[in-house]
Amino acid sequence: MSFQTLKVVVIGGGAAGFFSAIACAQTNRAADVTLLEASRQPLTKVLISGGGRCNVTHACFDPAILVQNYPRGGKALRGAFSQFQAQDTVEWFNVRNVKLKTEADGRMFPITDNSATIAHCLIQQAQDAGINVCLGANVKSVVKHDDTFEIELRSGDILNADRILIATGNSPQGYQIAKELGHSIEPTAPSLFTFNVTDDRLDELSGIAVDPVRLRLQVGDTKLEQTGALLVTHWGLSGPAVLKLSAWGARVLHEHRYQATLTVNWLPKQNPEALRQELLAVKSQLPRRAIVSSCPVLLPRRLWEKLTAAVGIQKETRWAELPNKTLNLLIQELTQGKYLVNGKGVFKEEFVTCGGVNLKEVNFKTMESRCCPGLYLAGEVLDIDGVTGGFNFQSAWTTGFIAGKAIAREAVF
C-alpha cells in the first residue's frame, strides 16, 4: 500500500457516512473513497428529520455541557467533542454557504427551514471531493485478509479496501458486520418515543401543551425525573419532557415492556403549600364563583376542567362549597397526578436506538476499532444516543469527522 493507492470504503450513506467520507477525501485528495448505500436514496434521516427542516445541531458550545445530553456515550464523546463540536459544525456548514439559525430552545436549523439544503450540501461536497457514491449497494459480508478488506455486495460484486468505515446507523446488518469483525454489540432498544397513556383525565385534550411540568417516572425500582414541556396527544403524552425521559429510561422501559407509573406535577413552579394558600384565597375572595369555570392557576381551561372533575368537583360547585378533603385531593391532582404508561408510541421526527458497538472497543481519538485494525466506526452504529434537539446528528458529525480525518492521515507516511 502507498500514499497514492489508499482505498477507503464507507458503508452507510447517512449523516455519519457522508461526513466521514467527505472529511477523508478533502483531507487527502489521493485517497480513493467509495461510499456504499443500500437504498436508492441517501441521507433519508437527514431529509425527514425535524419535520423536514433538519435539526442539524444544538447551540451548546461547551463540550462539558454538551455531553450531558447523551444518556449513552457522553463520557466517550467528551474527548471527541474537543476535536469537533457543535461550533465546528456551524462553521463547517457556514464555510460551504449553508447558514444555520438558532431557535429559542437551542435547536439549530438551516435558515431555509428545508432539510434538502443540508442533504444537497453533503452530496455536492462528496461529488466535488471525487467520492464514488454507490446507491443500491447492499453489503452482504466483509472479510479481513491481512491488511485489506474484501467487501461482497448482494449483487455479487466484490470490492477491496485498505480501510473501511461502518456508518450504518441502527441497521441490524451493520451490527452483524461489526460483530463478524470482532466487536460485541450492546443490546438495542428504541430511544426517543412518546408514552401511551389511556386515562379519562386526558380524553379530548389532544393538542394541549403545558410548559413547564415536572415528570417523575417509576419503572420497577428505577426512578427518573425531567422538567420541560408536555404535550397531550390522541394516544397519551409527548413533548420534550417525555422524550427526554424515554431516552434516559430506554433500556429499563424496554425491559419492563413499557409499563410504568408517571407522576405529573402540572405546576412545578409552585410548592404545594403555596398552591394551597392561593386556592384558599380564591375561596375566600370569590366564594360564589363556580370552581370549574374560574381557573386560578396557569393551566389550559380544558385541562383544569378535567382535573377538577377527576377529584369529584361538579360543574356547579362553588368555591364556598369546597370541603378541605376535596381541596387536598385537588392539590394532589395538580402536583402529584399519577398516570399509567402502558406502551410506547413513536416520535416521527427521530428514529433513535440505544445500543450498538461497545464503546470500550473503539479508540475515540481516531474512531478506529480496538478489535480490528483498519476498521473505523461512526454514528449510531455505536452505543451512543442523545436526547432530542440535534444531539444525535452532532454525534454523527463528530465521530464521522474524526474517523475520516484519521483515515486520511494514515496514508501520509
Protein backbone atom coordinates (compact mmCIF):
# COMPACT_ATOMS: atom_id res chain seq x y z
CA MET A 1 0.00 0.00 0.00
CA SER A 2 1.23 3.50 -0.77
CA PHE A 3 0.10 7.07 -0.28
CA GLN A 4 -1.35 7.09 -3.80
CA THR A 5 -3.39 3.91 -3.53
CA LEU A 6 -5.22 4.10 -0.20
CA LYS A 7 -8.62 2.59 -0.86
CA VAL A 8 -11.33 3.53 1.60
CA VAL A 9 -14.85 2.11 1.67
CA VAL A 10 -17.54 3.75 3.79
CA ILE A 11 -20.57 1.54 4.45
CA GLY A 12 -23.67 3.65 5.04
CA GLY A 13 -24.93 6.76 3.28
CA GLY A 14 -26.35 8.67 6.22
CA ALA A 15 -25.06 11.72 8.07
CA ALA A 16 -22.03 9.98 9.64
CA GLY A 17 -21.17 8.11 6.45
CA PHE A 18 -21.20 11.17 4.21
CA PHE A 19 -19.42 13.34 6.75
CA SER A 20 -16.61 10.83 7.26
CA ALA A 21 -16.19 10.20 3.52
CA ILE A 22 -16.01 13.95 2.86
CA ALA A 23 -13.54 14.54 5.71
CA CYS A 24 -11.30 11.77 4.40
CA ALA A 25 -11.41 12.79 0.74
CA GLN A 26 -10.95 16.51 1.44
CA THR A 27 -8.04 15.86 3.81
CA ASN A 28 -6.23 13.51 1.45
CA ARG A 29 -7.04 14.06 -2.22
CA ALA A 30 -5.08 10.94 -3.13
CA ALA A 31 -7.43 8.67 -1.16
CA ASP A 32 -9.81 6.61 -3.27
CA VAL A 33 -13.07 6.86 -1.31
CA THR A 34 -16.17 4.83 -2.12
CA LEU A 35 -19.42 5.22 -0.19
CA LEU A 36 -21.93 2.35 -0.25
CA GLU A 37 -25.62 2.99 0.48
CA ALA A 38 -28.03 0.05 0.48
CA SER A 39 -31.08 2.09 -0.51
CA ARG A 40 -31.67 4.19 -3.61
CA GLN A 41 -31.99 7.34 -1.52
CA PRO A 42 -29.05 8.58 0.56
CA LEU A 43 -29.41 10.72 3.68
CA THR A 44 -33.02 9.70 4.33
CA LYS A 45 -32.89 10.56 8.03
CA VAL A 46 -31.42 13.96 7.24
CA LEU A 47 -34.28 14.62 4.82
CA ILE A 48 -37.10 13.68 7.20
CA SER A 49 -35.65 14.91 10.49
CA GLY A 50 -37.02 17.94 12.27
CA GLY A 51 -40.28 17.73 10.37
CA GLY A 52 -38.40 18.12 7.10
CA ARG A 53 -36.27 21.01 8.39
CA CYS A 54 -33.28 19.00 9.74
CA ASN A 55 -32.26 19.81 13.30
CA VAL A 56 -28.54 19.95 12.40
CA THR A 57 -27.14 20.50 15.88
CA HIS A 58 -27.74 22.32 19.17
CA ALA A 59 -26.41 25.71 20.23
CA CYS A 60 -24.40 24.24 23.09
CA PHE A 61 -20.74 25.09 22.56
CA ASP A 62 -19.23 23.82 25.80
CA PRO A 63 -18.26 20.13 25.42
CA ALA A 64 -18.62 19.54 29.16
CA ILE A 65 -22.27 20.62 28.98
CA LEU A 66 -22.89 19.10 25.56
CA VAL A 67 -22.09 15.57 26.78
CA GLN A 68 -24.81 15.81 29.43
CA ASN A 69 -27.38 15.34 26.66
CA TYR A 70 -26.31 11.78 25.90
CA PRO A 71 -27.88 9.03 28.02
CA ARG A 72 -25.30 6.67 26.48
CA GLY A 73 -21.92 7.73 25.12
CA GLY A 74 -21.43 11.05 26.90
CA LYS A 75 -18.19 10.04 28.61
CA ALA A 76 -16.66 8.73 25.38
CA LEU A 77 -17.73 11.83 23.48
CA ARG A 78 -16.07 14.25 25.92
CA GLY A 79 -12.70 13.96 24.25
CA ALA A 80 -14.23 13.65 20.79
CA PHE A 81 -16.03 16.98 21.20
CA SER A 82 -12.69 18.63 21.95
CA GLN A 83 -11.78 17.74 18.35
CA PHE A 84 -15.08 18.63 16.68
CA GLN A 85 -18.12 20.04 18.48
CA ALA A 86 -21.30 21.97 17.70
CA GLN A 87 -19.46 25.24 16.98
CA ASP A 88 -17.33 23.40 14.42
CA THR A 89 -20.46 22.00 12.78
CA VAL A 90 -21.90 25.50 12.42
CA GLU A 91 -18.64 26.73 10.90
CA TRP A 92 -18.31 23.72 8.60
CA PHE A 93 -21.68 24.41 7.01
CA ASN A 94 -21.16 28.18 7.07
CA VAL A 95 -17.95 27.88 5.03
CA ARG A 96 -19.95 25.89 2.50
CA ASN A 97 -22.60 28.62 2.26
CA VAL A 98 -25.17 26.89 4.45
CA LYS A 99 -26.21 29.25 7.24
CA LEU A 100 -27.77 27.89 10.40
CA LYS A 101 -30.17 29.67 12.75
CA THR A 102 -30.83 29.09 16.43
CA GLU A 103 -34.37 28.74 17.78
CA ALA A 104 -35.47 29.70 21.29
CA ASP A 105 -34.92 26.19 22.66
CA GLY A 106 -31.38 25.96 21.26
CA ARG A 107 -32.12 23.76 18.25
CA MET A 108 -30.30 24.80 15.09
CA PHE A 109 -31.75 24.54 11.58
CA PRO A 110 -30.71 25.75 8.13
CA ILE A 111 -32.13 29.25 7.54
CA THR A 112 -34.05 27.76 4.60
CA ASP A 113 -36.03 25.56 7.02
CA ASN A 114 -35.54 22.83 4.44
CA SER A 115 -33.60 19.64 5.17
CA ALA A 116 -32.84 19.29 1.46
CA THR A 117 -30.40 22.19 1.95
CA ILE A 118 -28.26 20.00 4.22
CA ALA A 119 -28.57 16.89 2.05
CA HIS A 120 -27.70 18.82 -1.13
CA CYS A 121 -24.66 20.34 0.58
CA LEU A 122 -23.34 16.93 1.64
CA ILE A 123 -23.99 15.36 -1.75
CA GLN A 124 -22.32 18.28 -3.53
CA GLN A 125 -19.30 18.15 -1.23
CA ALA A 126 -18.97 14.40 -1.84
CA GLN A 127 -19.18 14.94 -5.59
CA ASP A 128 -16.62 17.76 -5.54
CA ALA A 129 -14.23 15.60 -3.48
CA GLY A 130 -14.40 12.81 -6.02
CA ILE A 131 -16.14 10.32 -3.77
CA ASN A 132 -17.70 7.38 -5.60
CA VAL A 133 -21.24 7.19 -4.17
CA CYS A 134 -22.88 3.84 -4.94
CA LEU A 135 -26.63 3.61 -4.31
CA GLY A 136 -28.48 0.30 -4.07
CA ALA A 137 -25.18 -1.23 -2.91
CA ASN A 138 -26.25 -3.66 -0.21
CA VAL A 139 -23.30 -5.21 1.61
CA LYS A 140 -23.53 -8.96 2.13
CA SER A 141 -20.29 -9.55 4.01
CA VAL A 142 -16.92 -8.07 4.96
CA VAL A 143 -13.85 -10.27 5.42
CA LYS A 144 -10.42 -9.13 6.50
CA HIS A 145 -7.36 -10.59 4.77
CA ASP A 146 -4.13 -9.48 6.47
CA ASP A 147 -4.11 -5.68 5.93
CA THR A 148 -7.00 -5.46 3.48
CA PHE A 149 -10.75 -5.98 3.49
CA GLU A 150 -12.93 -7.81 0.98
CA ILE A 151 -16.47 -6.45 0.71
CA GLU A 152 -19.04 -8.62 -1.06
CA LEU A 153 -22.25 -6.96 -2.23
CA ARG A 154 -25.55 -8.77 -2.57
CA SER A 155 -25.27 -8.10 -6.29
CA GLY A 156 -22.23 -10.38 -6.30
CA ASP A 157 -19.72 -7.57 -6.87
CA ILE A 158 -16.52 -7.64 -4.83
CA LEU A 159 -14.68 -4.55 -3.58
CA ASN A 160 -11.32 -4.40 -1.86
CA ALA A 161 -10.29 -1.76 0.63
CA ASP A 162 -7.33 -0.83 2.79
CA ARG A 163 -9.62 0.84 5.32
CA ILE A 164 -13.34 0.54 5.92
CA LEU A 165 -15.73 2.60 7.99
CA ILE A 166 -19.07 1.32 9.22
CA ALA A 167 -21.68 4.07 9.48
CA THR A 168 -24.86 2.05 9.05
CA GLY A 169 -26.91 3.68 11.81
CA ASN A 170 -29.14 1.29 13.72
CA SER A 171 -29.21 -1.27 10.92
CA PRO A 172 -29.02 -4.90 12.14
CA GLN A 173 -26.83 -5.57 9.12
CA GLY A 174 -24.26 -3.05 10.32
CA TYR A 175 -24.22 -4.62 13.78
CA GLN A 176 -23.73 -8.03 12.20
CA ILE A 177 -20.75 -6.87 10.12
CA ALA A 178 -19.15 -5.28 13.18
CA LYS A 179 -19.75 -8.46 15.17
CA GLU A 180 -18.16 -10.63 12.47
CA LEU A 181 -15.11 -8.36 12.57
CA GLY A 182 -14.68 -8.96 16.30
CA HIS A 183 -16.95 -6.49 18.06
CA SER A 184 -19.51 -7.09 20.80
CA ILE A 185 -22.91 -5.43 20.43
CA GLU A 186 -24.78 -3.88 23.34
CA PRO A 187 -28.48 -4.88 23.21
CA THR A 188 -30.58 -2.45 21.22
CA ALA A 189 -33.82 -0.78 22.25
CA PRO A 190 -35.81 2.20 20.96
CA SER A 191 -34.98 5.61 22.38
CA LEU A 192 -36.92 8.88 21.96
CA PHE A 193 -40.56 7.84 21.95
CA THR A 194 -43.89 9.00 23.31
CA PHE A 195 -45.88 7.37 26.11
CA ASN A 196 -49.14 5.55 25.54
CA VAL A 197 -51.48 6.59 28.35
CA THR A 198 -55.17 5.74 28.42
CA ASP A 199 -56.82 7.96 31.03
CA ASP A 200 -60.15 9.78 31.29
CA ARG A 201 -58.34 12.89 32.50
CA LEU A 202 -56.66 13.24 29.09
CA ASP A 203 -59.69 12.49 26.92
CA GLU A 204 -60.43 15.18 24.32
CA LEU A 205 -57.34 17.17 25.36
CA SER A 206 -55.21 16.30 22.33
CA GLY A 207 -53.08 19.26 21.31
CA ILE A 208 -52.96 20.89 24.75
CA ALA A 209 -49.44 21.79 25.88
CA VAL A 210 -48.17 22.81 29.31
CA ASP A 211 -44.72 24.26 29.89
CA PRO A 212 -43.15 23.52 32.24
CA VAL A 213 -44.27 20.38 34.02
CA ARG A 214 -42.20 18.11 36.24
CA LEU A 215 -42.39 14.42 35.42
CA ARG A 216 -41.31 11.53 37.63
CA LEU A 217 -41.18 8.09 36.04
CA GLN A 218 -41.02 4.91 38.06
CA VAL A 219 -40.11 1.73 36.16
CA GLY A 220 -39.61 -1.17 38.51
CA ASP A 221 -37.07 0.11 41.06
CA THR A 222 -35.77 2.83 38.72
CA LYS A 223 -36.85 6.44 39.23
CA LEU A 224 -36.23 9.17 36.65
CA GLU A 225 -37.20 12.84 36.54
CA GLN A 226 -37.40 15.54 33.87
CA THR A 227 -38.80 19.06 33.71
CA GLY A 228 -39.98 20.65 30.48
CA ALA A 229 -42.85 21.00 28.07
CA LEU A 230 -45.57 18.33 27.91
CA LEU A 231 -47.95 17.73 25.03
CA VAL A 232 -51.19 15.76 25.27
CA THR A 233 -51.79 13.59 22.19
CA HIS A 234 -54.50 11.25 20.91
CA TRP A 235 -52.60 8.28 22.36
CA GLY A 236 -51.19 9.77 25.56
CA LEU A 237 -48.29 12.11 26.29
CA SER A 238 -45.44 13.57 24.27
CA GLY A 239 -43.30 16.72 24.25
CA PRO A 240 -39.65 17.35 25.20
CA ALA A 241 -40.02 16.25 28.83
CA VAL A 242 -41.46 12.87 27.83
CA LEU A 243 -38.92 12.34 25.04
CA LYS A 244 -36.05 13.01 27.44
CA LEU A 245 -37.50 10.53 29.94
CA SER A 246 -37.83 7.95 27.17
CA ALA A 247 -34.17 8.42 26.23
CA TRP A 248 -32.78 8.15 29.75
CA GLY A 249 -35.12 5.27 30.54
CA ALA A 250 -34.80 3.49 27.19
CA ARG A 251 -33.25 0.28 28.46
CA VAL A 252 -35.27 -0.14 31.66
CA LEU A 253 -38.53 0.73 29.89
CA HIS A 254 -37.74 -1.88 27.24
CA GLU A 255 -37.03 -4.47 29.94
CA HIS A 256 -40.39 -3.72 31.60
CA ARG A 257 -42.34 -3.81 28.31
CA TYR A 258 -43.09 -0.08 28.58
CA GLN A 259 -45.19 -0.46 31.71
CA ALA A 260 -44.51 2.34 34.21
CA THR A 261 -46.04 4.92 36.53
CA LEU A 262 -45.74 8.59 35.61
CA THR A 263 -46.29 11.30 38.21
CA VAL A 264 -47.15 14.69 36.74
CA ASN A 265 -46.69 17.98 38.55
CA TRP A 266 -48.60 20.42 36.35
CA LEU A 267 -47.43 23.40 38.44
CA PRO A 268 -43.74 22.81 39.28
CA LYS A 269 -43.08 26.48 39.99
CA GLN A 270 -45.43 26.40 42.99
CA ASN A 271 -44.87 24.27 46.06
CA PRO A 272 -47.98 22.54 47.41
CA GLU A 273 -48.33 24.81 50.43
CA ALA A 274 -48.13 28.00 48.33
CA LEU A 275 -50.70 26.48 45.99
CA ARG A 276 -52.95 25.71 48.96
CA GLN A 277 -52.80 29.33 50.14
CA GLU A 278 -53.57 30.55 46.63
CA LEU A 279 -56.65 28.31 46.33
CA LEU A 280 -57.84 29.27 49.83
CA ALA A 281 -57.51 32.94 48.86
CA VAL A 282 -59.72 32.36 45.83
CA LYS A 283 -62.20 30.51 48.02
CA SER A 284 -62.31 33.49 50.36
CA GLN A 285 -62.41 36.23 47.73
CA LEU A 286 -64.70 34.58 45.15
CA PRO A 287 -66.90 32.25 47.22
CA ARG A 288 -69.87 32.33 44.82
CA ARG A 289 -67.87 31.58 41.67
CA ALA A 290 -68.14 28.10 40.13
CA ILE A 291 -64.80 26.32 40.60
CA VAL A 292 -64.77 24.70 37.18
CA SER A 293 -65.29 27.98 35.32
CA SER A 294 -62.78 30.05 37.35
CA CYS A 295 -59.31 28.57 36.99
CA PRO A 296 -56.92 30.47 39.29
CA VAL A 297 -53.69 28.78 38.08
CA LEU A 298 -51.75 28.92 34.80
CA LEU A 299 -53.26 25.89 33.11
CA PRO A 300 -55.34 25.49 29.97
CA ARG A 301 -59.00 25.76 30.91
CA ARG A 302 -59.97 22.39 29.44
CA LEU A 303 -57.25 20.67 31.48
CA TRP A 304 -58.44 22.45 34.64
CA GLU A 305 -61.96 21.22 33.97
CA LYS A 306 -60.72 17.62 33.62
CA LEU A 307 -58.59 17.72 36.76
CA THR A 308 -61.33 19.24 38.90
CA ALA A 309 -63.81 16.65 37.62
CA ALA A 310 -61.29 13.90 38.45
CA VAL A 311 -61.49 14.79 42.18
CA GLY A 312 -65.30 14.90 42.19
CA ILE A 313 -65.94 18.63 41.78
CA GLN A 314 -69.23 19.15 39.94
CA LYS A 315 -69.70 21.86 37.31
CA GLU A 316 -71.99 23.86 39.57
CA THR A 317 -69.87 23.53 42.74
CA ARG A 318 -68.87 26.96 44.10
CA TRP A 319 -65.64 27.79 45.87
CA ALA A 320 -67.53 28.35 49.14
CA GLU A 321 -68.75 24.75 48.93
CA LEU A 322 -65.27 23.21 48.52
CA PRO A 323 -64.52 20.97 51.55
CA ASN A 324 -60.95 20.66 52.80
CA LYS A 325 -60.79 16.99 51.84
CA THR A 326 -61.57 17.81 48.22
CA LEU A 327 -59.16 20.74 48.30
CA ASN A 328 -56.41 18.33 49.38
CA LEU A 329 -57.32 15.97 46.55
CA LEU A 330 -57.22 18.84 44.04
CA ILE A 331 -53.77 19.93 45.23
CA GLN A 332 -52.57 16.35 44.93
CA GLU A 333 -54.04 16.08 41.43
CA LEU A 334 -52.33 19.28 40.34
CA THR A 335 -48.92 18.39 41.77
CA GLN A 336 -48.80 14.58 42.01
CA GLY A 337 -51.22 13.21 39.45
CA LYS A 338 -50.42 9.58 38.68
CA TYR A 339 -50.82 8.12 35.19
CA LEU A 340 -50.12 4.59 33.99
CA VAL A 341 -47.85 4.22 30.98
CA ASN A 342 -48.93 1.13 29.06
CA GLY A 343 -46.82 1.19 25.93
CA LYS A 344 -44.79 3.41 23.67
CA GLY A 345 -45.60 5.38 20.59
CA VAL A 346 -43.10 6.80 18.12
CA PHE A 347 -41.51 10.18 17.68
CA LYS A 348 -41.87 10.58 13.94
CA GLU A 349 -39.09 13.14 13.57
CA GLU A 350 -36.44 10.88 15.07
CA PHE A 351 -35.60 7.20 14.75
CA VAL A 352 -33.09 6.68 17.51
CA THR A 353 -31.89 3.45 19.04
CA CYS A 354 -29.78 2.86 22.11
CA GLY A 355 -27.32 0.01 21.93
CA GLY A 356 -24.74 -0.88 19.31
CA VAL A 357 -20.99 -1.42 19.20
CA ASN A 358 -19.44 -1.47 22.68
CA LEU A 359 -17.69 1.88 23.15
CA LYS A 360 -14.75 0.36 25.02
CA GLU A 361 -13.81 -1.39 21.79
CA VAL A 362 -13.29 1.90 19.91
CA ASN A 363 -10.49 4.47 20.18
CA PHE A 364 -12.36 7.78 20.29
CA LYS A 365 -9.26 9.75 19.32
CA THR A 366 -9.47 8.20 15.85
CA MET A 367 -12.70 6.13 15.88
CA GLU A 368 -10.61 3.08 14.93
CA SER A 369 -11.63 -0.31 16.20
CA ARG A 370 -9.55 -1.76 19.01
CA CYS A 371 -10.59 -5.23 17.82
CA CYS A 372 -9.87 -4.96 14.10
CA PRO A 373 -7.11 -2.62 12.87
CA GLY A 374 -8.14 -0.70 9.76
CA LEU A 375 -11.83 -0.75 10.72
CA TYR A 376 -13.44 2.53 11.81
CA LEU A 377 -16.91 3.23 13.17
CA ALA A 378 -19.05 6.36 13.32
CA GLY A 379 -22.60 7.43 14.11
CA GLU A 380 -25.41 5.43 15.57
CA VAL A 381 -23.87 2.02 14.88
CA LEU A 382 -22.05 2.84 18.13
CA ASP A 383 -23.76 2.58 21.51
CA ILE A 384 -24.37 6.34 21.55
CA ASP A 385 -27.67 8.17 21.63
CA GLY A 386 -28.72 11.65 22.60
CA VAL A 387 -31.92 13.34 23.64
CA THR A 388 -33.95 15.24 21.08
CA GLY A 389 -32.68 18.62 19.94
CA GLY A 390 -29.93 18.00 17.37
CA PHE A 391 -27.65 15.98 19.64
CA ASN A 392 -27.84 12.75 17.66
CA PHE A 393 -26.76 14.49 14.48
CA GLN A 394 -23.95 16.18 16.38
CA SER A 395 -22.51 12.85 17.50
CA ALA A 396 -22.75 11.68 13.86
CA TRP A 397 -20.89 14.77 12.58
CA THR A 398 -18.26 14.47 15.31
CA THR A 399 -17.49 10.76 15.05
CA GLY A 400 -17.67 10.89 11.25
CA PHE A 401 -15.28 13.84 11.04
CA ILE A 402 -12.75 12.29 13.43
CA ALA A 403 -12.85 8.94 11.60
CA GLY A 404 -12.49 10.49 8.15
CA LYS A 405 -9.58 12.68 9.22
CA ALA A 406 -7.82 9.79 10.96
CA ILE A 407 -8.10 7.53 7.92
CA ALA A 408 -6.77 10.28 5.65
CA ARG A 409 -3.79 10.92 7.93
CA GLU A 410 -2.88 7.25 7.93
CA ALA A 411 -1.95 7.49 4.28
CA VAL A 412 0.71 10.12 4.92
CA PHE A 413 3.96 8.30 5.61
